[in-house]
Amino acid sequence: MTVVLDGETLTPADVAAVARDDERVEIADAARDRVHTSRERVEDVIQSGEAVYGINTGFGELVDERIPPEKREQLQVNLLRSHAAGAGRELTREEVRAMLVARINALVKGYSGVRERVVNHLVTLCNEGVQPVVYSRGSLGASGDLAPLAHLSLVLIGEGEADIDATESTDSPRRVSGQSALEEIGLEALSLEPKEGLALINGTQLTTGLAALAVVDGERLVTAADAAGALTTETTLGTTATSESAIHDVRPHAGQQASAANVRAFTAGSDVVEAHRNCDRVQDAYSLRCFPQVHGAVRDAIAHLRDAVEVELNSATDNPLVFAADRVDDRASGTDRAAVLSGGNFHGTPLALRLEYVRLALADLAAITERRIDRLLNPNLQESHLPPFLATDSGVESGYMIAQYTAAALCTEIRSLGPASTDNTPVSGGQEDHVSMSAHSALYVRRALESARWVVAAELVCGTEAADYLDEAFDTDESLSLGTGTAAARDLVREVVPPLAATGDRPVRPDIEAVAALLEDGLVTGALEQDTA
């Protein structure tokens, strides 16, 4: 598959395909035409001699400084150099590639005024597996993700560093200088023309790229959590009647209905559910009875983020923006053919607030999942057919006891993250006096997803182990089958985690880590979709 970038239709799934699956990108012809037209408008403005921010003026507090023609190229180069002030860990390969594809798509929307050659260089980096070294800290989310995008862009002028993917002749990725990276893929370093440096670093592409990946990961995780909750419901002899459509039709939140439908689909055909349908238990605990409502609210939070990400991926977010003169009622600058307007589309608040919402939602997803883990392990809460902590020789063995400890610790960690978006530190001499901190919100969501994924993996491990004791709960000589989806999840877990009863106590981390990797790769969601289709 090739992802065609046209400035209009990029999706979170496309971003993930490029970032993780190395899908190639190409530019739509119509988008190339818009890039050409936008650059022509910049040239018209340059010829007019009017003062236009970022073209012939300084930046930030230095906006009133006029730049003579002979220094305008140096102005753009200095902008990249001076703004490359990142700190913290290096972004991962997939994070950098998510930034790259988001940055390209924003430029080809046709309001940034860069030359086609700039876009082509970025496309080549992406397609040839060259990832600039970018640092995760330093963005305030206004004027966009300046420091990270500056590090990303340095390679275009032959500076900074980059990692080049392994090839048939190299065993591992290699780190080289920006100049060497360009030479290896047959490119010359760019000489930046007016507006281009600013267009490269002004925007929300770190925030947006990470948010796009978070949408994909979050949607996968909540579906896997539905399966984990359904499996726990079966193995603790809970009722699935709480997922009946009649209940959810009279409170029709979209996410709630989707999670309830998943539970019905995942437990379809379950002998276990049928075997105790008429038992004496009237109601289950909230973590079993209410999880479609809780998981559904998490779904709705992720959907709210998806809406913003899909808009942002296909938006022009740098500053200033270049328009045809007839697009603007009160033209601020330019010639009869062009208007260059300064604005605030780089401000990350539309993403930051929704990212905070998702982080809070993930905290609740992890919290209810941890409660279900406890119900699988805790001898004071368990059904009598389950041994304490799922250990075969309780006392001598601890079984999966500490899996719940780790889940509880990770829940606290998620709660401790942020909120970043409510903070504000004025910068640039007070000119940039309210910032969004959206990059922090995005990075926190990445961490929250990692922790919540581990908690859901722990429930799947424990639920799978508990399923091995189901036959002991009923007076029957026949093995009782799980539901279609829960059986698929159980079987996938068993491919990477052997029964604890067969080995006795062993280090628990490898079990949960293996299932967390399945979740991260989307394999659990894929198995559920295949077996319940």
Protein backbone atom coordinates (compact mmCIF):
# COMPACT_ATOMS: atom_id res chain seq x y z
CA MET A 1 0.00 0.00 0.00
CA THR A 2 1.08 3.57 -0.66
CA VAL A 3 -0.33 6.39 1.43
CA VAL A 4 -1.25 9.27 -0.88
CA LEU A 5 -0.90 12.65 0.81
CA ASP A 6 -3.27 15.30 -0.48
CA GLY A 7 -3.67 17.55 2.56
CA GLU A 8 -7.28 16.47 2.93
CA THR A 9 -7.73 12.77 3.72
CA LEU A 10 -4.91 11.57 6.01
CA THR A 11 -6.20 9.32 8.82
CA PRO A 12 -4.73 7.99 12.07
CA ALA A 13 -4.57 4.54 10.44
CA ASP A 14 -2.50 6.03 7.59
CA VAL A 15 -0.12 7.59 10.09
CA ALA A 16 0.30 4.25 11.85
CA ALA A 17 0.86 2.48 8.52
CA VAL A 18 3.72 4.83 7.65
CA ALA A 19 5.14 5.03 11.17
CA ARG A 20 5.02 1.32 11.98
CA ASP A 21 4.58 -0.65 8.80
CA ASP A 22 6.89 1.45 6.59
CA GLU A 23 4.24 2.15 3.99
CA ARG A 24 5.55 4.52 1.35
CA VAL A 25 4.09 7.96 0.79
CA GLU A 26 3.50 9.93 -2.38
CA ILE A 27 2.04 13.34 -3.08
CA ALA A 28 -1.21 13.76 -5.03
CA ASP A 29 -0.89 15.81 -8.22
CA ALA A 30 -3.50 18.32 -7.08
CA ALA A 31 -1.56 18.85 -3.86
CA ARG A 32 1.64 19.51 -5.84
CA ASP A 33 -0.24 22.14 -7.81
CA ARG A 34 -1.29 23.83 -4.58
CA VAL A 35 2.30 23.82 -3.33
CA HIS A 36 3.43 25.56 -6.54
CA THR A 37 0.69 28.15 -6.33
CA SER A 38 1.40 28.86 -2.68
CA ARG A 39 5.08 29.41 -3.41
CA GLU A 40 4.27 31.79 -6.26
CA ARG A 41 2.23 33.85 -3.84
CA VAL A 42 5.16 34.07 -1.46
CA GLU A 43 7.36 35.27 -4.30
CA ASP A 44 4.79 37.97 -5.09
CA VAL A 45 4.85 39.15 -1.49
CA ILE A 46 8.65 39.26 -1.50
CA GLN A 47 8.58 41.43 -4.62
CA SER A 48 6.04 43.80 -3.03
CA GLY A 49 8.55 44.84 -0.35
CA GLU A 50 5.91 44.93 2.38
CA ALA A 51 6.85 43.82 5.90
CA VAL A 52 5.54 40.28 6.37
CA TYR A 53 6.20 38.20 9.45
CA GLY A 54 8.62 35.35 8.89
CA ILE A 55 9.53 36.44 5.38
CA ASN A 56 11.39 39.69 5.90
CA THR A 57 11.05 40.22 9.68
CA GLY A 58 12.45 38.65 12.80
CA PHE A 59 10.53 36.15 14.92
CA GLY A 60 8.61 36.30 18.18
CA GLU A 61 9.52 39.41 20.14
CA LEU A 62 11.85 40.38 17.27
CA VAL A 63 8.92 40.77 14.87
CA ASP A 64 9.67 44.49 14.33
CA GLU A 65 13.17 43.83 13.04
CA ARG A 66 13.29 44.15 9.21
CA ILE A 67 15.62 41.69 7.46
CA PRO A 68 17.46 42.87 4.31
CA PRO A 69 17.25 40.62 1.20
CA GLU A 70 20.83 39.42 1.42
CA LYS A 71 20.23 37.98 4.92
CA ARG A 72 16.86 36.30 4.39
CA GLU A 73 18.27 32.86 3.61
CA GLN A 74 20.50 33.07 6.68
CA LEU A 75 17.42 34.06 8.69
CA GLN A 76 15.72 30.75 7.83
CA VAL A 77 18.83 28.67 8.55
CA ASN A 78 19.41 30.46 11.85
CA LEU A 79 15.81 29.73 12.76
CA LEU A 80 16.35 25.98 12.52
CA ARG A 81 19.65 26.12 14.37
CA SER A 82 18.50 28.34 17.20
CA HIS A 83 15.27 26.47 17.80
CA ALA A 84 16.93 23.03 17.96
CA ALA A 85 17.04 23.16 21.75
CA GLY A 86 15.32 19.88 22.58
CA ALA A 87 15.90 17.89 25.75
CA GLY A 88 14.90 14.53 27.21
CA ARG A 89 14.82 11.15 25.57
CA GLU A 90 15.08 10.71 21.84
CA LEU A 91 11.81 10.05 20.08
CA THR A 92 11.36 6.50 18.87
CA ARG A 93 11.50 5.60 15.22
CA GLU A 94 7.72 5.38 14.94
CA GLU A 95 7.25 8.71 16.71
CA VAL A 96 9.61 10.46 14.30
CA ARG A 97 7.94 8.90 11.29
CA ALA A 98 4.51 9.94 12.58
CA MET A 99 5.82 13.51 12.78
CA LEU A 100 7.24 13.29 9.26
CA VAL A 101 4.06 12.16 7.57
CA ALA A 102 1.98 14.69 9.48
CA ARG A 103 4.40 17.49 8.56
CA ILE A 104 4.36 16.59 4.86
CA ASN A 105 0.57 16.48 4.74
CA ALA A 106 0.29 19.90 6.38
CA LEU A 107 2.69 21.45 3.86
CA VAL A 108 0.93 20.01 0.80
CA LYS A 109 -2.34 21.54 1.91
CA GLY A 110 -1.01 24.56 0.08
CA TYR A 111 -0.93 27.43 2.57
CA SER A 112 2.67 27.27 3.76
CA GLY A 113 4.54 28.73 0.81
CA VAL A 114 7.39 26.23 0.58
CA ARG A 115 8.91 25.00 -2.66
CA GLU A 116 8.06 21.56 -3.96
CA ARG A 117 11.70 20.62 -3.45
CA VAL A 118 11.28 20.93 0.31
CA VAL A 119 8.32 18.55 0.25
CA ASN A 120 10.21 16.11 -1.97
CA HIS A 121 13.12 16.00 0.46
CA LEU A 122 10.78 15.12 3.34
CA VAL A 123 9.10 12.41 1.26
CA THR A 124 12.47 10.89 0.40
CA LEU A 125 13.53 10.82 4.05
CA CYS A 126 10.33 8.98 4.88
CA ASN A 127 10.48 6.49 2.00
CA GLU A 128 14.19 5.76 2.34
CA GLY A 129 14.07 5.04 6.06
CA VAL A 130 15.98 8.06 7.29
CA GLN A 131 14.76 9.24 10.68
CA PRO A 132 16.16 12.54 12.02
CA VAL A 133 17.21 12.44 15.67
CA VAL A 134 14.52 14.36 17.55
CA TYR A 135 14.30 15.02 21.27
CA SER A 136 11.01 14.64 23.11
CA ARG A 137 11.12 17.62 25.45
CA GLY A 138 11.12 21.31 24.63
CA SER A 139 7.80 21.96 22.94
CA LEU A 140 5.24 24.25 24.56
CA GLY A 141 2.60 23.42 21.97
CA ALA A 142 2.62 27.04 20.69
CA SER A 143 3.99 28.29 18.33
CA GLY A 144 3.55 24.65 17.71
CA ASP A 145 6.15 21.98 18.44
CA LEU A 146 9.08 24.28 17.64
CA ALA A 147 12.07 22.50 19.15
CA PRO A 148 11.18 18.97 18.00
CA LEU A 149 10.34 20.18 14.48
CA ALA A 150 13.60 22.12 14.34
CA HIS A 151 15.56 18.95 15.09
CA LEU A 152 13.50 17.12 12.45
CA SER A 153 14.26 19.82 9.87
CA LEU A 154 17.98 20.26 10.52
CA VAL A 155 18.74 17.18 8.44
CA LEU A 156 17.26 18.90 5.37
CA ILE A 157 20.06 21.46 5.46
CA GLY A 158 22.73 18.85 6.11
CA GLU A 159 22.95 19.41 9.85
CA GLY A 160 21.83 17.51 12.93
CA GLU A 161 21.85 13.71 13.02
CA ALA A 162 19.76 10.91 11.59
CA ASP A 163 19.29 7.17 11.97
CA ILE A 164 19.32 5.18 8.74
CA ASP A 165 17.44 1.88 8.67
CA ALA A 166 19.31 -1.38 8.31
CA THR A 167 19.71 -2.70 4.77
CA GLU A 168 20.85 -5.96 3.19
CA SER A 169 24.44 -4.82 3.62
CA THR A 170 24.06 -3.44 7.16
CA ASP A 171 22.95 -5.45 10.17
CA SER A 172 21.46 -2.63 12.21
CA PRO A 173 20.38 0.99 11.98
CA ARG A 174 23.21 3.49 11.76
CA ARG A 175 23.51 6.98 13.19
CA VAL A 176 25.12 9.48 10.86
CA SER A 177 25.37 13.22 10.42
CA GLY A 178 22.59 15.01 8.60
CA GLN A 179 24.90 15.66 5.66
CA SER A 180 25.91 11.99 5.40
CA ALA A 181 22.28 10.91 5.58
CA LEU A 182 21.39 13.12 2.62
CA GLU A 183 24.36 11.89 0.60
CA GLU A 184 23.42 8.24 1.19
CA ILE A 185 19.96 8.78 -0.31
CA GLY A 186 21.16 10.98 -3.15
CA LEU A 187 19.96 14.37 -1.91
CA GLU A 188 21.70 17.73 -1.69
CA ALA A 189 21.32 19.88 1.38
CA LEU A 190 18.60 22.48 0.95
CA SER A 191 19.30 26.20 0.78
CA LEU A 192 16.25 27.60 2.48
CA GLU A 193 14.37 30.43 0.85
CA PRO A 194 12.16 32.99 2.63
CA LYS A 195 9.35 31.48 4.72
CA GLU A 196 10.60 27.89 4.43
CA GLY A 197 12.40 27.56 7.76
CA LEU A 198 9.42 28.95 9.59
CA ALA A 199 7.01 26.70 7.67
CA LEU A 200 9.07 23.66 8.65
CA ILE A 201 9.07 24.26 12.41
CA ASN A 202 5.78 26.05 13.03
CA GLY A 203 2.96 23.56 13.60
CA THR A 204 1.55 20.82 15.79
CA GLN A 205 3.05 17.77 14.12
CA LEU A 206 4.68 16.16 17.17
CA THR A 207 1.43 16.48 19.09
CA THR A 208 -0.66 15.39 16.12
CA GLY A 209 1.55 12.45 15.14
CA LEU A 210 1.58 11.08 18.68
CA ALA A 211 -2.15 11.70 19.04
CA ALA A 212 -2.83 9.78 15.82
CA LEU A 213 -0.92 6.78 17.15
CA ALA A 214 -2.77 7.12 20.46
CA VAL A 215 -6.12 6.92 18.68
CA VAL A 216 -5.12 3.68 16.95
CA ASP A 217 -3.65 2.19 20.13
CA GLY A 218 -6.51 3.35 22.34
CA GLU A 219 -9.16 1.85 20.10
CA ARG A 220 -7.30 -1.46 20.04
CA LEU A 221 -6.84 -1.44 23.80
CA VAL A 222 -10.44 -0.80 24.75
CA THR A 223 -11.59 -3.66 22.48
CA ALA A 224 -9.06 -5.98 24.12
CA ALA A 225 -10.27 -4.76 27.50
CA ASP A 226 -13.82 -5.70 26.50
CA ALA A 227 -12.56 -9.22 25.79
CA ALA A 228 -10.62 -9.35 29.05
CA GLY A 229 -13.69 -8.25 30.99
CA ALA A 230 -15.85 -10.80 29.21
CA LEU A 231 -13.33 -13.55 29.97
CA THR A 232 -13.23 -12.58 33.64
CA THR A 233 -17.03 -12.54 33.73
CA GLU A 234 -17.09 -16.11 32.41
CA THR A 235 -14.33 -17.49 34.61
CA THR A 236 -15.76 -15.94 37.80
CA LEU A 237 -19.23 -17.25 36.86
CA GLY A 238 -20.62 -13.76 36.42
CA THR A 239 -23.62 -12.95 34.28
CA THR A 240 -23.55 -11.47 30.81
CA ALA A 241 -27.18 -10.38 31.12
CA THR A 242 -25.90 -6.91 32.01
CA SER A 243 -24.81 -6.54 28.38
CA GLU A 244 -28.23 -7.24 26.93
CA SER A 245 -29.13 -4.69 24.29
CA ALA A 246 -32.36 -3.72 26.06
CA ILE A 247 -30.35 -2.20 28.90
CA HIS A 248 -28.07 -0.19 26.67
CA ASP A 249 -30.71 0.89 24.17
CA VAL A 250 -32.35 3.00 26.87
CA ARG A 251 -29.05 4.77 27.57
CA PRO A 252 -27.68 4.95 24.03
CA HIS A 253 -24.18 6.33 24.43
CA ALA A 254 -22.31 5.11 21.36
CA GLY A 255 -19.30 3.76 23.23
CA GLN A 256 -21.40 1.98 25.82
CA GLN A 257 -23.46 0.29 23.15
CA ALA A 258 -20.31 -0.79 21.28
CA SER A 259 -18.72 -2.33 24.38
CA ALA A 260 -21.93 -4.12 25.34
CA ALA A 261 -22.22 -5.48 21.80
CA ASN A 262 -18.65 -6.72 22.06
CA VAL A 263 -19.43 -8.62 25.25
CA ARG A 264 -22.40 -10.26 23.58
CA ALA A 265 -20.31 -11.18 20.54
CA PHE A 266 -17.30 -12.38 22.53
CA THR A 267 -19.38 -14.64 24.79
CA ALA A 268 -21.65 -15.96 22.04
CA GLY A 269 -21.89 -19.75 22.16
CA SER A 270 -20.44 -19.97 25.67
CA ASP A 271 -21.26 -23.20 27.50
CA VAL A 272 -20.02 -21.55 30.67
CA VAL A 273 -22.58 -18.74 30.49
CA GLU A 274 -25.38 -21.21 29.81
CA ALA A 275 -24.32 -23.56 32.59
CA HIS A 276 -24.91 -21.03 35.34
CA ARG A 277 -27.54 -18.81 33.76
CA ASN A 278 -30.08 -19.74 36.46
CA CYS A 279 -27.75 -19.55 39.47
CA ASP A 280 -28.72 -17.80 42.70
CA ARG A 281 -26.49 -14.75 42.25
CA VAL A 282 -28.64 -11.65 41.74
CA GLN A 283 -25.99 -9.10 40.81
CA ASP A 284 -22.26 -9.01 40.15
CA ALA A 285 -19.84 -6.45 41.52
CA TYR A 286 -19.58 -3.17 39.63
CA SER A 287 -16.31 -4.10 37.92
CA LEU A 288 -18.23 -6.89 36.15
CA ARG A 289 -21.71 -5.42 36.00
CA CYS A 290 -20.78 -1.91 34.86
CA PHE A 291 -17.77 -2.37 32.65
CA PRO A 292 -19.65 -1.80 29.35
CA GLN A 293 -20.58 1.62 30.73
CA VAL A 294 -17.03 2.37 31.87
CA HIS A 295 -15.28 0.96 28.81
CA GLY A 296 -17.86 2.71 26.65
CA ALA A 297 -17.02 6.07 28.20
CA VAL A 298 -13.38 5.42 27.39
CA ARG A 299 -14.40 4.65 23.81
CA ASP A 300 -16.25 7.95 23.62
CA ALA A 301 -13.19 9.83 24.91
CA ILE A 302 -11.00 8.24 22.25
CA ALA A 303 -13.61 9.00 19.59
CA HIS A 304 -13.58 12.64 20.71
CA LEU A 305 -9.81 12.69 20.24
CA ARG A 306 -10.13 10.98 16.86
CA ASP A 307 -12.39 13.77 15.63
CA ALA A 308 -9.79 16.40 16.53
CA VAL A 309 -6.87 14.39 15.15
CA GLU A 310 -8.56 13.84 11.78
CA VAL A 311 -9.14 17.58 11.48
CA GLU A 312 -5.64 18.48 12.65
CA LEU A 313 -3.89 16.01 10.34
CA ASN A 314 -5.49 17.76 7.39
CA SER A 315 -5.06 21.34 8.56
CA ALA A 316 -2.60 24.14 7.88
CA THR A 317 -1.02 24.82 11.27
CA ASP A 318 2.01 27.00 10.60
CA ASN A 319 2.23 30.77 10.68
CA PRO A 320 1.90 32.97 8.72
CA LEU A 321 -0.37 31.35 6.13
CA VAL A 322 -0.50 32.24 2.44
CA PHE A 323 -3.86 32.84 0.74
CA ALA A 324 -5.16 34.10 -2.55
CA ALA A 325 -6.07 37.76 -2.16
CA ASP A 326 -9.74 37.10 -2.86
CA ARG A 327 -9.91 34.67 0.10
CA VAL A 328 -9.45 37.53 2.57
CA ASP A 329 -11.84 40.40 3.23
CA ASP A 330 -9.33 42.68 4.92
CA ARG A 331 -5.97 41.76 3.48
CA ALA A 332 -3.18 42.34 6.00
CA SER A 333 -0.25 42.24 3.57
CA GLY A 334 0.87 41.15 0.13
CA THR A 335 0.04 41.93 -3.47
CA ASP A 336 -3.17 41.72 -5.42
CA ARG A 337 -2.48 38.00 -5.96
CA ALA A 338 -1.54 37.05 -2.40
CA ALA A 339 -2.32 37.70 1.23
CA VAL A 340 -0.03 36.49 4.01
CA LEU A 341 -1.85 36.43 7.32
CA SER A 342 -0.49 35.84 10.80
CA GLY A 343 -2.72 33.82 13.08
CA GLY A 344 -2.67 31.10 15.70
CA ASN A 345 -3.37 27.77 14.02
CA PHE A 346 -0.20 26.43 15.62
CA HIS A 347 -1.81 26.55 19.08
CA GLY A 348 -2.20 22.99 20.36
CA THR A 349 -5.12 23.44 22.75
CA PRO A 350 -7.71 21.71 20.48
CA LEU A 351 -5.61 18.56 20.84
CA ALA A 352 -4.26 19.13 24.35
CA LEU A 353 -7.63 19.18 26.08
CA ARG A 354 -8.83 16.04 24.33
CA LEU A 355 -5.56 14.27 25.07
CA GLU A 356 -6.06 15.09 28.75
CA TYR A 357 -9.55 13.62 28.50
CA VAL A 358 -8.14 10.40 27.03
CA ARG A 359 -5.47 10.18 29.72
CA LEU A 360 -8.15 10.43 32.41
CA ALA A 361 -10.24 7.84 30.56
CA LEU A 362 -7.29 5.44 30.42
CA ALA A 363 -6.81 5.88 34.15
CA ASP A 364 -10.39 4.70 34.68
CA LEU A 365 -9.97 1.83 32.21
CA ALA A 366 -6.91 0.64 34.12
CA ALA A 367 -8.69 1.09 37.45
CA ILE A 368 -11.70 -1.08 36.62
CA THR A 369 -9.42 -3.66 35.00
CA GLU A 370 -7.31 -3.85 38.16
CA ARG A 371 -10.48 -4.48 40.18
CA ARG A 372 -11.36 -7.43 37.95
CA ILE A 373 -7.83 -8.82 38.36
CA ASP A 374 -8.38 -8.72 42.10
CA ARG A 375 -11.61 -10.66 41.70
CA LEU A 376 -9.71 -13.38 39.84
CA LEU A 377 -7.00 -13.63 42.52
CA ASN A 378 -8.38 -12.57 45.89
CA PRO A 379 -9.49 -15.61 47.95
CA ASN A 380 -11.96 -13.38 49.82
CA LEU A 381 -13.73 -12.50 46.55
CA GLN A 382 -13.17 -15.50 44.31
CA GLU A 383 -15.56 -18.23 43.35
CA SER A 384 -14.78 -21.45 45.25
CA HIS A 385 -13.52 -23.27 42.16
CA LEU A 386 -10.55 -20.90 41.81
CA PRO A 387 -7.49 -21.43 44.03
CA PRO A 388 -6.16 -18.40 45.93
CA PHE A 389 -4.10 -16.24 43.56
CA LEU A 390 -4.46 -19.01 40.98
CA ALA A 391 -1.62 -20.89 42.68
CA THR A 392 -1.81 -24.71 42.63
CA ASP A 393 -0.07 -25.04 46.02
CA SER A 394 -1.23 -21.96 47.91
CA GLY A 395 1.13 -20.85 50.62
CA VAL A 396 4.11 -22.56 49.12
CA GLU A 397 3.31 -20.77 45.88
CA SER A 398 2.08 -17.20 45.35
CA GLY A 399 0.76 -17.69 41.82
CA TYR A 400 -0.19 -14.42 40.15
CA MET A 401 -0.54 -12.51 43.43
CA ILE A 402 1.93 -9.78 42.50
CA ALA A 403 0.42 -9.21 39.07
CA GLN A 404 -2.29 -7.29 40.90
CA TYR A 405 0.32 -5.27 42.82
CA THR A 406 1.91 -4.16 39.58
CA ALA A 407 -1.46 -3.31 38.10
CA ALA A 408 -2.25 -1.18 41.14
CA ALA A 409 1.10 0.61 40.85
CA LEU A 410 0.51 1.36 37.17
CA CYS A 411 -2.95 2.75 37.93
CA THR A 412 -1.35 5.21 40.33
CA GLU A 413 1.25 6.16 37.75
CA ILE A 414 -1.40 6.99 35.16
CA ARG A 415 -3.26 9.14 37.67
CA SER A 416 -0.05 11.01 38.50
CA LEU A 417 0.54 12.17 34.90
CA GLY A 418 -0.47 15.75 34.16
CA PRO A 419 -2.58 17.60 33.62
CA ALA A 420 -0.13 19.56 31.50
CA SER A 421 -2.56 21.63 29.47
CA THR A 422 -3.62 23.74 32.44
CA ASP A 423 -0.08 25.03 32.91
CA ASN A 424 1.29 28.13 31.20
CA THR A 425 4.69 29.81 31.02
CA PRO A 426 4.96 32.98 28.90
CA VAL A 427 7.96 32.99 26.54
CA SER A 428 9.61 35.08 23.82
CA GLY A 429 9.70 38.23 25.89
CA GLY A 430 5.99 37.97 26.66
CA GLN A 431 4.95 37.92 23.00
CA GLU A 432 3.92 34.27 23.33
CA ASP A 433 2.12 34.61 26.62
CA HIS A 434 -0.26 31.64 26.57
CA VAL A 435 0.90 28.21 25.44
CA SER A 436 -0.90 24.85 25.27
CA MET A 437 1.67 22.29 26.48
CA SER A 438 0.01 19.91 24.01
CA ALA A 439 3.19 17.90 23.39
CA HIS A 440 3.35 17.10 27.10
CA SER A 441 -0.26 15.94 26.97
CA ALA A 442 0.55 13.69 24.00
CA LEU A 443 3.63 12.23 25.66
CA TYR A 444 1.65 11.58 28.84
CA VAL A 445 -0.99 9.72 26.85
CA ARG A 446 1.75 7.55 25.33
CA ARG A 447 2.88 6.62 28.85
CA ALA A 448 -0.70 6.10 30.03
CA LEU A 449 -1.36 3.74 27.12
CA GLU A 450 1.76 1.72 27.92
CA SER A 451 0.68 1.33 31.55
CA ALA A 452 -2.97 0.59 30.79
CA ARG A 453 -1.90 -1.95 28.16
CA TRP A 454 0.12 -3.80 30.80
CA VAL A 455 -2.86 -3.85 33.18
CA VAL A 456 -5.17 -5.27 30.50
CA ALA A 457 -2.49 -7.83 29.61
CA ALA A 458 -2.37 -8.89 33.26
CA GLU A 459 -6.13 -9.47 33.29
CA LEU A 460 -5.91 -11.57 30.13
CA VAL A 461 -3.12 -13.67 31.67
CA CYS A 462 -5.05 -14.21 34.88
CA GLY A 463 -8.36 -14.78 33.10
CA THR A 464 -6.75 -17.37 30.84
CA GLU A 465 -5.30 -19.21 33.85
CA ALA A 466 -8.67 -19.08 35.61
CA ALA A 467 -10.37 -20.61 32.56
CA ASP A 468 -8.40 -23.81 33.17
CA TYR A 469 -10.39 -24.34 36.41
CA LEU A 470 -13.86 -23.93 34.92
CA ASP A 471 -14.64 -27.63 34.68
CA GLU A 472 -14.23 -27.88 38.44
CA ALA A 473 -17.05 -25.38 38.93
CA PHE A 474 -19.71 -27.64 37.44
CA ASP A 475 -20.76 -31.20 38.06
CA THR A 476 -20.04 -32.43 34.57
CA ASP A 477 -17.62 -34.73 32.86
CA GLU A 478 -17.58 -32.62 29.72
CA SER A 479 -15.35 -29.61 29.14
CA LEU A 480 -17.30 -26.40 28.86
CA SER A 481 -16.43 -24.08 26.02
CA LEU A 482 -15.85 -20.36 26.34
CA GLY A 483 -17.49 -17.87 24.04
CA THR A 484 -16.28 -17.40 20.50
CA GLY A 485 -14.28 -14.26 21.24
CA THR A 486 -13.10 -15.12 24.73
CA ALA A 487 -11.88 -18.51 23.47
CA ALA A 488 -9.95 -16.73 20.70
CA ALA A 489 -8.34 -14.42 23.27
CA ARG A 490 -7.55 -17.36 25.58
CA ASP A 491 -5.98 -19.34 22.73
CA LEU A 492 -3.82 -16.39 21.67
CA VAL A 493 -2.58 -15.92 25.23
CA ARG A 494 -1.77 -19.60 25.48
CA GLU A 495 0.44 -19.32 22.39
CA VAL A 496 2.86 -17.18 24.42
CA VAL A 497 2.08 -18.05 28.06
CA PRO A 498 2.08 -21.68 29.29
CA PRO A 499 -0.28 -22.70 32.11
CA LEU A 500 1.03 -21.66 35.51
CA ALA A 501 -0.36 -24.88 36.94
CA ALA A 502 2.07 -26.85 34.78
CA THR A 503 5.19 -25.12 36.10
CA GLY A 504 4.40 -23.70 39.51
CA ASP A 505 5.72 -20.30 40.48
CA ARG A 506 7.89 -18.57 37.90
CA PRO A 507 8.77 -14.93 37.12
CA VAL A 508 5.50 -13.26 36.21
CA ARG A 509 6.87 -10.41 34.13
CA PRO A 510 7.56 -12.46 30.96
CA ASP A 511 3.95 -13.71 30.94
CA ILE A 512 2.43 -10.23 31.07
CA GLU A 513 5.07 -8.72 28.81
CA ALA A 514 4.35 -11.27 26.09
CA VAL A 515 0.63 -10.51 26.13
CA ALA A 516 1.26 -6.76 26.28
CA ALA A 517 3.28 -7.16 23.07
CA LEU A 518 0.33 -8.93 21.44
CA LEU A 519 -1.90 -6.04 22.45
CA GLU A 520 0.55 -3.43 21.16
CA ASP A 521 0.75 -5.17 17.78
CA GLY A 522 -3.03 -5.35 17.54
CA LEU A 523 -2.99 -9.14 17.36
CA VAL A 524 -5.57 -9.63 20.10
CA THR A 525 -7.98 -7.24 18.39
CA GLY A 526 -7.32 -8.97 15.07
CA ALA A 527 -8.06 -12.39 16.53
CA LEU A 528 -11.28 -11.12 18.09
CA GLU A 529 -12.45 -9.58 14.84
CA GLN A 530 -11.65 -12.74 12.89
CA ASP A 531 -13.34 -15.15 15.28
CA THR A 532 -16.48 -13.10 15.87
CA ALA A 533 -17.04 -11.94 12.28
